[in-house]
Amino acid sequence: MIQTIFGMPNYHGEDSGTPPSLIGTLGAPYIYHGYFENCDGDQWIFTYDHESKKALLRGGDVGWGTALQVESGGVVDLVLRKTERDWLSSCWKEATEMDYSQKEEVN
């Protein structure tokens, strides 16, 4: 039986929109998820789709409905704190270095 193992409340106001509800899957396409929250309550969600090779970043500060394209571990024209940049770079590195073509499905 698959159960959710992680959930976070939205700390942003209603003007940030509805936060995404992201559910991982065990089959293809495999989606890598990353979550970041700083001491001010800024929240970011990183997703990388191994099938399409696309990475997206969503955050309350830019509006939850906005999906920013991540390329080479960064987002063009988005100002992030060093800790946020470091986290995003780590997510990119982990997601793009993983090879799920050989991954066995877990039951």
Protein backbone atom coordinates (compact mmCIF):
# COMPACT_ATOMS: atom_id res chain seq x y z
CA MET A 1 0.00 0.00 0.00
CA ILE A 2 1.35 3.41 -0.99
CA GLN A 3 0.91 6.23 1.51
CA THR A 4 1.88 9.88 1.46
CA ILE A 5 5.01 10.42 3.53
CA PHE A 6 5.45 14.20 3.36
CA GLY A 7 3.12 17.18 3.42
CA MET A 8 3.57 20.86 4.22
CA PRO A 9 1.12 23.68 4.93
CA ASN A 10 1.06 26.71 2.63
CA TYR A 11 2.50 29.73 4.46
CA HIS A 12 1.71 32.19 1.66
CA GLY A 13 -1.38 34.36 1.47
CA GLU A 14 -4.40 33.84 -0.78
CA ASP A 15 -2.89 36.25 -3.32
CA SER A 16 -0.28 33.57 -4.09
CA GLY A 17 -2.95 31.29 -5.50
CA THR A 18 -3.60 27.65 -4.81
CA PRO A 19 -0.45 25.64 -4.04
CA PRO A 20 0.19 22.59 -6.18
CA SER A 21 -0.68 19.14 -4.94
CA LEU A 22 2.11 16.86 -6.09
CA ILE A 23 1.81 13.11 -5.78
CA GLY A 24 4.75 10.89 -6.69
CA THR A 25 4.34 7.75 -8.76
CA LEU A 26 6.20 4.46 -8.75
CA GLY A 27 6.01 3.90 -12.50
CA ALA A 28 7.21 5.80 -15.54
CA PRO A 29 7.47 8.65 -15.97
CA TYR A 30 9.39 9.09 -12.76
CA ILE A 31 9.14 12.58 -11.29
CA TYR A 32 11.79 13.85 -8.90
CA HIS A 33 10.44 16.22 -6.20
CA GLY A 34 12.34 18.68 -4.05
CA TYR A 35 11.01 21.02 -1.35
CA PHE A 36 12.65 24.07 0.22
CA GLU A 37 11.55 26.42 2.97
CA ASN A 38 13.62 29.20 4.50
CA CYS A 39 13.39 30.92 7.89
CA ASP A 40 11.01 33.55 6.44
CA GLY A 41 8.53 30.92 5.28
CA ASP A 42 9.38 31.24 1.56
CA GLN A 43 8.52 27.91 -0.03
CA TRP A 44 9.73 26.36 -3.30
CA ILE A 45 8.88 23.09 -5.05
CA PHE A 46 11.18 21.61 -7.70
CA THR A 47 10.02 18.87 -10.07
CA TYR A 48 11.98 17.03 -12.75
CA ASP A 49 10.24 14.72 -15.21
CA HIS A 50 12.67 12.04 -16.37
CA GLU A 51 10.57 11.25 -19.43
CA SER A 52 10.36 14.81 -20.81
CA LYS A 53 13.68 15.93 -19.23
CA LYS A 54 11.93 19.11 -18.03
CA ALA A 55 12.44 20.74 -14.66
CA LEU A 56 10.02 23.23 -13.13
CA LEU A 57 10.15 25.47 -10.07
CA ARG A 58 7.03 26.72 -8.29
CA GLY A 59 6.87 29.04 -5.32
CA GLY A 60 4.45 31.13 -3.33
CA ASP A 61 6.47 34.31 -3.92
CA VAL A 62 5.99 34.07 -7.70
CA GLY A 63 2.45 32.68 -7.44
CA TRP A 64 1.85 28.96 -7.07
CA GLY A 65 0.26 28.79 -10.53
CA THR A 66 3.47 29.95 -12.20
CA ALA A 67 5.79 27.15 -13.30
CA LEU A 68 9.28 28.47 -14.02
CA GLN A 69 11.54 26.48 -16.37
CA VAL A 70 14.77 25.32 -14.69
CA GLU A 71 17.78 24.94 -16.97
CA SER A 72 21.28 23.90 -15.90
CA GLY A 73 20.25 24.22 -12.26
CA GLY A 74 18.93 27.78 -12.41
CA VAL A 75 16.06 29.99 -13.54
CA VAL A 76 16.69 32.97 -15.83
CA ASP A 77 15.63 36.36 -14.41
CA LEU A 78 14.72 35.00 -10.97
CA VAL A 79 16.53 36.43 -7.97
CA LEU A 80 17.07 33.80 -5.28
CA ARG A 81 18.99 33.87 -2.01
CA LYS A 82 22.20 31.88 -1.87
CA THR A 83 20.57 29.11 0.18
CA GLU A 84 17.75 28.87 -2.39
CA ARG A 85 20.23 28.79 -5.29
CA ASP A 86 22.28 26.10 -3.55
CA TRP A 87 19.17 23.99 -2.93
CA LEU A 88 17.98 24.39 -6.54
CA SER A 89 21.40 23.45 -7.86
CA SER A 90 21.46 20.36 -5.62
CA CYS A 91 18.00 19.30 -6.82
CA TRP A 92 19.06 19.74 -10.45
CA LYS A 93 22.25 17.75 -9.94
CA GLU A 94 20.52 14.87 -8.16
CA ALA A 95 17.59 14.72 -10.57
CA THR A 96 19.63 14.86 -13.77
CA GLU A 97 22.33 12.43 -12.63
CA MET A 98 19.87 9.71 -11.65
CA ASP A 99 19.21 6.98 -14.21
CA TYR A 100 15.72 5.60 -13.78
CA SER A 101 15.76 3.61 -17.00
CA GLN A 102 17.23 0.72 -14.96
CA LYS A 103 15.04 1.30 -11.89
CA GLU A 104 12.97 -1.67 -10.81
CA GLU A 105 9.36 -0.98 -9.91
CA VAL A 106 8.67 -1.27 -6.19
CA ASN A 107 5.47 -2.94 -5.04
